[in-house]
Amino acid sequence: MYKLTIAQETGYLHAIVTGTNSEDTVRGYMAEIVRECVSRNCLRVLIEEHLEGPRLGTLAVFQLVSQGSERLRGKLRAIAYVDANAADNLMQFASDIAVNRGVPLAVFASVSEAKAWLSKG
């Protein structure tokens, strides 16, 4: 279960997701974000994740990112990702998987850093 709020910013969409941390949540909000980006013809997005609950394991993250990369490749030019509850290097691992599969994903520690990165491109 999650709630997704999307705001149009200059040159990108800012998506804020809250809810329960689960594989279904991640699949759901990512699919919804991609649909919004495509429908608005906006190829750049900032994803600000505020999910609660136990962190997903390494294998689950690998599978989610691998599968998601297949659907995302070629649809977006830049994805800036901020996980407000990140406590380890798991999001960098996810970024590495995505980039190795041709998805332009970068992970940031703060929204301001992510916005600065998006504004450069």
Foldseek 3Di string as FASTA:
>chain_A
DKDWDWDDDVQEIEIEIEEADDLVRVVVVLVVVLVVCVVVVRQEYEYEYHHDDDHDDLVSLLVSLLVVLVVCAPSHDAYEYEYQPDDDCSVVVSCVSNVVSRHHYDYDPDPVVSVVVSVVD
